[in-house]
Amino acid sequence: MKNLPPLALTPPKRVSLVAQTIQSLRSALIAGYWRETMPGERELCQTLEVSRPTLRAALAELQREGDLKSTARNRRRILTKATRLHPTGRTVAVISSSPLRRLNPGVVLMIDALRDHLARSGWTMQIHVRPSCFTLHPDRALRELTARAPAATWLLIGSVQSTQQWFARSSLHCLVVGTCEAGIMLPSVDADHHATARHAGALFLRKGHRRIVLVRSDANTGGDSETERGLREVLASSPSATLHVLRHRSRDHLLALLDQTLRADSPPTAFFVLRPAHALTVTMHLLRRGRSIPKDAAVIGRDDEDYLAHTSPVITRYGGVGERLARDISRLVRTVAETRTLNLCAVRLVPKFIAGETV
């Protein structure tokens, strides 16, 4: 050890908060978070959680480097140089409340197909599992996530109303996988649940059913609301038709609600069920209670999963939109990112009717 030369190390450098703020702002500029001008200093301070002196020092450096330019009204204009599409800006960020292993198999397959479509076009995908971004008050969690992980476009899966409202207020490019809540203006892509419900309701009526039940979870989603609206519209054409909605919180709650409706003087004869697992639960419980399917009770599932093809009786349902959904999402997120525009379009894909043995 005595013969070793003196140790010569370069002291590690601590990245200053100003430097980190510059990096965050530059990444956001490259990703296209803002179009022509920067937000006010107060909003930027809240988003980045830094003091005003730190923010002003970072903005001054970006102005010196030619990314920003001050205007007469003290608004900082974004120069063309700062908004060039950069490899780090070819990222689509997916926000989910649950890890992939807990999502429906159809959603997982859609995400996998979407990743493949994006990769072939030179894009990458990042998945962020953030339950805190799906609460009633997600503002802080969303500000932190979007500031620390810039992306060209944000993809919202299973988003709730509060999450959609935050993105609608922000200047970030995003696409909702699903249906937006009423009054929220964001681009979205989903199956046409309204048309599906109308088709199912008309089928029930043609088969002579007049006492119909809609089975949906207690959570409010735009797609489920569109389903209920479509079903009510088509049943309104038959004065004798009635609709009873079962909103359940769990499997046991659903079973209790089913038993309650079956004990009625005039029990329902048709069930339209929104989730594949719930369609299986309803079908099995009706059989358990001695109902012959479809003689005593008909069941139609709104959504599809592979395992429904192996039930006995085979459950009638709608499906066939997974690959088309991935293809359209890939096209839309790239359009939103590359054109820097928020085209408030609502793409709706009509599912294929899968005839089973339960109607």
Protein backbone atom coordinates (compact mmCIF):
# COMPACT_ATOMS: atom_id res chain seq x y z
CA MET A 1 0.00 0.00 0.00
CA LYS A 2 2.96 2.33 0.68
CA ASN A 3 4.02 2.27 -3.00
CA LEU A 4 0.67 3.46 -4.34
CA PRO A 5 0.60 6.97 -5.82
CA PRO A 6 -1.41 9.65 -4.08
CA LEU A 7 -5.11 9.25 -4.68
CA ALA A 8 -6.39 11.90 -7.09
CA LEU A 9 -10.17 12.14 -7.18
CA THR A 10 -12.37 14.81 -8.64
CA PRO A 11 -14.80 15.97 -5.97
CA PRO A 12 -18.38 14.99 -6.90
CA LYS A 13 -20.46 17.89 -8.10
CA ARG A 14 -23.85 18.57 -6.61
CA VAL A 15 -26.41 19.60 -9.18
CA SER A 16 -27.91 22.85 -8.06
CA LEU A 17 -31.65 23.34 -7.81
CA VAL A 18 -31.39 25.95 -10.55
CA ALA A 19 -29.73 23.41 -12.87
CA GLN A 20 -32.43 20.85 -12.11
CA THR A 21 -35.11 23.44 -12.84
CA ILE A 22 -33.43 24.29 -16.16
CA GLN A 23 -33.38 20.61 -17.09
CA SER A 24 -37.07 20.16 -16.21
CA LEU A 25 -38.09 23.24 -18.17
CA ARG A 26 -36.00 22.32 -21.20
CA SER A 27 -37.43 18.77 -21.24
CA ALA A 28 -40.93 20.19 -21.05
CA LEU A 29 -40.19 22.60 -23.90
CA ILE A 30 -38.84 19.80 -26.07
CA ALA A 31 -41.87 17.64 -25.28
CA GLY A 32 -44.15 20.48 -26.35
CA TYR A 33 -45.90 21.14 -23.04
CA TRP A 34 -46.49 24.77 -24.00
CA ARG A 35 -47.13 26.24 -27.42
CA GLU A 36 -46.24 29.91 -27.90
CA THR A 37 -45.70 31.40 -24.45
CA MET A 38 -44.70 30.16 -21.02
CA PRO A 39 -47.17 30.11 -18.13
CA GLY A 40 -46.85 32.75 -15.42
CA GLU A 41 -44.18 32.48 -12.75
CA ARG A 42 -46.66 31.63 -10.01
CA GLU A 43 -48.01 28.64 -11.95
CA LEU A 44 -44.51 27.43 -12.82
CA CYS A 45 -43.40 27.72 -9.19
CA GLN A 46 -46.35 25.61 -8.08
CA THR A 47 -45.78 23.03 -10.81
CA LEU A 48 -42.06 22.63 -10.16
CA GLU A 49 -42.27 23.32 -6.41
CA VAL A 50 -39.41 25.81 -6.46
CA SER A 51 -39.05 29.36 -5.20
CA ARG A 52 -39.46 32.35 -7.47
CA PRO A 53 -35.72 33.32 -7.33
CA THR A 54 -34.79 29.78 -8.41
CA LEU A 55 -37.33 29.84 -11.23
CA ARG A 56 -36.21 33.27 -12.46
CA ALA A 57 -32.57 32.15 -12.52
CA ALA A 58 -33.53 29.11 -14.61
CA LEU A 59 -35.65 31.18 -16.99
CA ALA A 60 -32.85 33.71 -17.39
CA GLU A 61 -30.47 30.93 -18.43
CA LEU A 62 -32.96 29.59 -20.97
CA GLN A 63 -33.33 33.09 -22.38
CA ARG A 64 -29.56 33.43 -22.61
CA GLU A 65 -29.37 30.14 -24.52
CA GLY A 66 -32.04 31.28 -26.96
CA ASP A 67 -34.89 28.99 -25.89
CA LEU A 68 -37.06 31.84 -24.58
CA LYS A 69 -37.52 35.51 -25.28
CA SER A 70 -39.08 38.16 -23.04
CA THR A 71 -41.95 40.21 -24.41
CA ALA A 72 -43.23 43.66 -23.54
CA ARG A 73 -45.91 42.18 -21.27
CA ASN A 74 -43.32 40.17 -19.34
CA ARG A 75 -44.56 36.96 -20.93
CA ARG A 76 -41.79 34.70 -22.14
CA ARG A 77 -42.24 33.62 -25.74
CA ILE A 78 -41.08 30.14 -26.75
CA LEU A 79 -38.74 30.19 -29.74
CA THR A 80 -38.97 27.63 -32.53
CA LYS A 81 -35.65 26.15 -31.54
CA ALA A 82 -37.05 25.02 -28.20
CA THR A 83 -39.98 23.09 -29.62
CA ARG A 84 -38.15 20.84 -32.06
CA LEU A 85 -39.14 17.20 -31.76
CA HIS A 86 -36.26 15.55 -29.95
CA PRO A 87 -35.63 11.86 -29.27
CA THR A 88 -36.50 12.48 -25.60
CA GLY A 89 -39.74 14.01 -26.83
CA ARG A 90 -40.79 10.83 -28.67
CA THR A 91 -42.18 9.32 -25.50
CA VAL A 92 -45.74 8.39 -24.69
CA ALA A 93 -46.41 8.23 -20.96
CA VAL A 94 -49.18 5.95 -19.73
CA ILE A 95 -50.77 6.67 -16.36
CA SER A 96 -52.57 3.82 -14.64
CA SER A 97 -53.99 3.40 -11.16
CA SER A 98 -53.05 -0.29 -11.08
CA PRO A 99 -50.02 -2.34 -12.18
CA LEU A 100 -50.39 -4.29 -15.39
CA ARG A 101 -50.85 -7.62 -13.62
CA ARG A 102 -54.05 -6.30 -12.04
CA LEU A 103 -55.58 -4.83 -15.19
CA ASN A 104 -58.08 -6.68 -17.34
CA PRO A 105 -56.32 -9.05 -19.78
CA GLY A 106 -57.83 -7.16 -22.71
CA VAL A 107 -56.31 -3.88 -21.51
CA VAL A 108 -52.90 -5.54 -21.05
CA LEU A 109 -53.02 -6.95 -24.59
CA MET A 110 -54.02 -3.52 -25.92
CA ILE A 111 -51.06 -1.88 -24.14
CA ASP A 112 -48.70 -4.53 -25.51
CA ALA A 113 -49.99 -4.00 -29.05
CA LEU A 114 -49.76 -0.24 -28.60
CA ARG A 115 -46.14 -0.52 -27.48
CA ASP A 116 -45.38 -2.51 -30.63
CA HIS A 117 -47.13 0.02 -32.91
CA LEU A 118 -45.25 2.92 -31.31
CA ALA A 119 -41.88 1.14 -31.45
CA ARG A 120 -42.23 0.58 -35.19
CA SER A 121 -42.63 4.37 -35.57
CA GLY A 122 -39.61 5.20 -33.41
CA TRP A 123 -41.53 6.02 -30.24
CA THR A 124 -41.12 4.68 -26.72
CA MET A 125 -43.66 4.08 -23.98
CA GLN A 126 -43.32 4.69 -20.26
CA ILE A 127 -45.88 3.30 -17.81
CA HIS A 128 -46.44 5.15 -14.55
CA VAL A 129 -48.51 3.41 -11.88
CA ARG A 130 -49.76 6.24 -9.68
CA PRO A 131 -52.92 5.56 -7.62
CA SER A 132 -52.53 9.07 -6.19
CA CYS A 133 -53.28 10.48 -9.66
CA PHE A 134 -56.75 8.91 -9.60
CA THR A 135 -58.09 10.28 -6.33
CA LEU A 136 -60.71 12.99 -5.84
CA HIS A 137 -57.89 15.53 -5.48
CA PRO A 138 -55.00 14.44 -7.75
CA ASP A 139 -53.61 17.91 -8.56
CA ARG A 140 -50.38 17.71 -6.57
CA ALA A 141 -49.58 14.15 -7.66
CA LEU A 142 -50.18 15.01 -11.31
CA ARG A 143 -48.08 18.19 -11.12
CA GLU A 144 -45.16 16.26 -9.63
CA LEU A 145 -45.38 13.39 -12.11
CA THR A 146 -45.68 15.51 -15.25
CA ALA A 147 -42.88 17.83 -14.14
CA ARG A 148 -40.43 15.03 -13.33
CA ALA A 149 -41.21 12.71 -16.25
CA PRO A 150 -41.84 14.85 -19.36
CA ALA A 151 -43.50 13.15 -22.31
CA ALA A 152 -44.78 14.19 -25.70
CA THR A 153 -48.23 12.79 -24.96
CA TRP A 154 -49.95 11.43 -21.88
CA LEU A 155 -52.24 8.42 -22.16
CA LEU A 156 -54.91 8.15 -19.46
CA ILE A 157 -56.16 4.62 -18.76
CA GLY A 158 -59.11 4.15 -16.44
CA SER A 159 -59.11 7.84 -15.62
CA VAL A 160 -61.67 9.34 -13.29
CA GLN A 161 -63.39 12.69 -13.61
CA SER A 162 -60.93 14.59 -11.39
CA THR A 163 -57.95 13.32 -13.41
CA GLN A 164 -59.57 14.32 -16.69
CA GLN A 165 -60.46 17.75 -15.30
CA TRP A 166 -56.83 18.40 -14.33
CA PHE A 167 -55.54 17.56 -17.80
CA ALA A 168 -58.30 19.65 -19.38
CA ARG A 169 -57.07 22.65 -17.36
CA SER A 170 -53.41 22.03 -18.17
CA SER A 171 -51.64 22.64 -21.46
CA LEU A 172 -50.35 19.07 -21.68
CA HIS A 173 -51.11 16.88 -24.66
CA CYS A 174 -53.09 13.84 -23.65
CA LEU A 175 -55.44 11.18 -24.93
CA VAL A 176 -58.11 9.47 -22.85
CA VAL A 177 -58.44 5.73 -23.37
CA GLY A 178 -62.13 5.55 -22.62
CA THR A 179 -64.96 8.05 -22.64
CA CYS A 180 -64.64 11.50 -21.10
CA GLU A 181 -67.04 12.55 -18.40
CA ALA A 182 -69.77 14.99 -19.45
CA GLY A 183 -68.47 18.50 -20.05
CA ILE A 184 -64.77 17.53 -20.23
CA MET A 185 -63.18 18.38 -23.56
CA LEU A 186 -60.27 16.03 -24.23
CA PRO A 187 -59.45 13.77 -27.20
CA SER A 188 -60.53 10.22 -26.50
CA VAL A 189 -60.80 6.79 -28.08
CA ASP A 190 -63.10 4.03 -26.93
CA ALA A 191 -65.55 1.37 -28.02
CA ASP A 192 -68.94 2.78 -28.98
CA HIS A 193 -70.74 1.83 -25.78
CA HIS A 194 -73.78 3.90 -26.68
CA ALA A 195 -74.34 2.01 -29.96
CA THR A 196 -73.60 -1.32 -28.26
CA ALA A 197 -76.24 -0.71 -25.60
CA ARG A 198 -78.82 0.26 -28.20
CA HIS A 199 -78.13 -2.95 -30.12
CA ALA A 200 -78.40 -5.08 -26.98
CA GLY A 201 -81.61 -3.37 -25.89
CA ALA A 202 -83.20 -3.86 -29.31
CA LEU A 203 -82.21 -7.54 -29.23
CA PHE A 204 -83.86 -7.97 -25.82
CA LEU A 205 -87.04 -6.34 -27.09
CA ARG A 206 -87.15 -8.56 -30.20
CA LYS A 207 -86.85 -11.61 -27.95
CA GLY A 208 -89.85 -10.45 -25.94
CA HIS A 209 -88.05 -9.21 -22.82
CA ARG A 210 -89.58 -6.23 -21.04
CA ARG A 211 -88.11 -6.40 -17.52
CA ILE A 212 -84.43 -5.65 -18.06
CA VAL A 213 -81.56 -5.15 -15.62
CA LEU A 214 -78.36 -3.19 -16.25
CA VAL A 215 -75.45 -4.39 -14.11
CA ARG A 216 -72.69 -1.80 -13.63
CA SER A 217 -70.13 -1.05 -10.95
CA ASP A 218 -70.62 1.74 -8.47
CA ALA A 219 -67.71 3.71 -9.99
CA ASN A 220 -68.67 6.50 -12.36
CA THR A 221 -67.02 6.31 -15.79
CA GLY A 222 -67.99 8.05 -19.00
CA GLY A 223 -68.30 4.77 -20.89
CA ASP A 224 -70.69 3.27 -18.35
CA SER A 225 -72.82 6.40 -18.38
CA GLU A 226 -72.98 6.26 -22.20
CA THR A 227 -74.04 2.62 -21.95
CA GLU A 228 -76.91 3.41 -19.61
CA ARG A 229 -78.01 6.33 -21.77
CA GLY A 230 -78.08 4.20 -24.93
CA LEU A 231 -80.03 1.42 -23.22
CA ARG A 232 -82.61 3.83 -21.84
CA GLU A 233 -83.06 5.40 -25.27
CA VAL A 234 -83.89 2.17 -27.05
CA LEU A 235 -86.15 0.87 -24.25
CA ALA A 236 -88.12 4.11 -24.37
CA SER A 237 -89.55 2.89 -27.69
CA SER A 238 -91.48 0.20 -25.78
CA PRO A 239 -93.95 1.61 -23.21
CA SER A 240 -94.10 -1.70 -21.35
CA ALA A 241 -90.31 -2.03 -20.96
CA THR A 242 -88.70 -1.24 -17.60
CA LEU A 243 -85.03 -0.84 -16.69
CA HIS A 244 -83.59 -1.56 -13.25
CA VAL A 245 -79.96 -0.55 -12.65
CA LEU A 246 -77.81 -2.55 -10.22
CA ARG A 247 -74.79 -0.53 -9.11
CA HIS A 248 -72.55 -2.79 -7.07
CA ARG A 249 -69.39 -2.31 -5.02
CA SER A 250 -68.14 -5.89 -4.83
CA ARG A 251 -68.95 -9.47 -5.76
CA ASP A 252 -70.90 -10.09 -2.56
CA HIS A 253 -72.81 -6.85 -3.00
CA LEU A 254 -73.69 -7.86 -6.57
CA LEU A 255 -74.95 -11.27 -5.43
CA ALA A 256 -77.13 -9.65 -2.76
CA LEU A 257 -78.60 -7.23 -5.31
CA LEU A 258 -79.31 -10.08 -7.72
CA ASP A 259 -81.12 -12.08 -5.05
CA GLN A 260 -83.18 -9.04 -4.16
CA THR A 261 -84.32 -8.52 -7.76
CA LEU A 262 -85.06 -12.24 -8.25
CA ARG A 263 -87.39 -12.22 -5.21
CA ALA A 264 -89.57 -9.50 -6.78
CA ASP A 265 -93.16 -10.32 -7.77
CA SER A 266 -92.19 -9.78 -11.41
CA PRO A 267 -88.48 -10.70 -11.61
CA PRO A 268 -86.37 -9.50 -14.54
CA THR A 269 -85.90 -11.73 -17.55
CA ALA A 270 -82.86 -10.05 -19.17
CA PHE A 271 -79.50 -8.81 -17.87
CA PHE A 272 -77.06 -6.51 -19.66
CA VAL A 273 -73.72 -6.71 -17.82
CA LEU A 274 -70.88 -4.26 -18.38
CA ARG A 275 -67.75 -6.17 -17.29
CA PRO A 276 -66.68 -9.65 -18.46
CA ALA A 277 -66.04 -10.97 -14.95
CA HIS A 278 -69.39 -9.63 -13.77
CA ALA A 279 -71.14 -11.23 -16.77
CA LEU A 280 -69.69 -14.57 -15.65
CA THR A 281 -70.79 -13.94 -12.05
CA VAL A 282 -74.34 -13.04 -13.08
CA THR A 283 -74.69 -16.08 -15.37
CA MET A 284 -73.41 -18.53 -12.76
CA HIS A 285 -75.56 -17.03 -10.00
CA LEU A 286 -78.71 -17.25 -12.11
CA LEU A 287 -77.98 -20.92 -12.80
CA ARG A 288 -77.30 -21.45 -9.10
CA ARG A 289 -80.71 -20.00 -8.31
CA GLY A 290 -82.40 -22.43 -10.68
CA ARG A 291 -82.94 -20.07 -13.62
CA SER A 292 -82.68 -21.71 -17.00
CA ILE A 293 -80.63 -19.65 -19.47
CA PRO A 294 -81.86 -18.31 -21.83
CA LYS A 295 -85.39 -19.67 -21.19
CA ASP A 296 -85.94 -17.92 -17.85
CA ALA A 297 -83.30 -15.21 -18.08
CA ALA A 298 -81.12 -13.86 -20.90
CA VAL A 299 -77.63 -12.45 -20.37
CA ILE A 300 -75.56 -10.21 -22.65
CA GLY A 301 -72.08 -8.97 -21.75
CA ARG A 302 -70.99 -5.59 -23.07
CA ASP A 303 -67.26 -6.43 -23.12
CA ASP A 304 -65.26 -9.48 -24.11
CA GLU A 305 -62.46 -11.57 -22.67
CA ASP A 306 -61.05 -14.81 -24.08
CA TYR A 307 -62.30 -16.93 -21.19
CA LEU A 308 -65.93 -16.12 -22.04
CA ALA A 309 -65.61 -18.32 -25.13
CA HIS A 310 -65.12 -21.33 -22.80
CA THR A 311 -68.19 -20.93 -20.61
CA SER A 312 -71.18 -23.22 -20.81
CA PRO A 313 -73.48 -21.79 -21.93
CA VAL A 314 -71.32 -19.47 -24.02
CA ILE A 315 -72.11 -15.89 -22.99
CA THR A 316 -73.40 -13.57 -25.71
CA ARG A 317 -71.23 -10.47 -25.83
CA TYR A 318 -69.50 -7.79 -27.90
CA GLY A 319 -65.79 -7.63 -28.74
CA GLY A 320 -63.14 -7.46 -31.43
CA VAL A 321 -61.88 -3.91 -30.80
CA GLY A 322 -58.56 -4.60 -29.03
CA GLU A 323 -56.17 -4.49 -32.01
CA ARG A 324 -58.12 -1.68 -33.69
CA LEU A 325 -58.03 0.27 -30.44
CA ALA A 326 -54.24 -0.07 -30.19
CA ARG A 327 -53.79 0.99 -33.81
CA ASP A 328 -56.00 4.06 -33.48
CA ILE A 329 -54.45 5.09 -30.16
CA SER A 330 -50.97 4.85 -31.69
CA ARG A 331 -52.02 7.03 -34.61
CA LEU A 332 -53.76 9.59 -32.41
CA VAL A 333 -51.00 10.01 -29.82
CA ARG A 334 -48.43 10.52 -32.57
CA THR A 335 -50.69 13.04 -34.29
CA VAL A 336 -51.23 14.97 -31.07
CA ALA A 337 -47.49 15.03 -30.29
CA GLU A 338 -46.18 15.80 -33.75
CA THR A 339 -48.70 18.48 -34.71
CA ARG A 340 -48.67 20.11 -31.25
CA THR A 341 -52.43 20.46 -31.45
CA LEU A 342 -55.23 19.19 -29.27
CA ASN A 343 -57.82 17.98 -31.74
CA LEU A 344 -60.82 17.38 -29.52
CA CYS A 345 -61.95 14.31 -31.42
CA ALA A 346 -63.83 11.36 -29.99
CA VAL A 347 -62.98 8.18 -31.89
CA ARG A 348 -65.53 5.44 -31.30
CA LEU A 349 -65.10 1.86 -32.56
CA VAL A 350 -68.18 -0.29 -33.06
CA PRO A 351 -67.63 -3.74 -31.48
CA LYS A 352 -68.54 -6.97 -33.20
CA PHE A 353 -71.57 -8.86 -31.93
CA ILE A 354 -70.52 -12.32 -30.70
CA ALA A 355 -73.54 -14.59 -30.70
CA GLY A 356 -73.58 -16.97 -27.74
CA GLU A 357 -76.07 -19.21 -26.03
CA THR A 358 -77.45 -16.88 -23.35
CA VAL A 359 -80.08 -14.97 -25.37
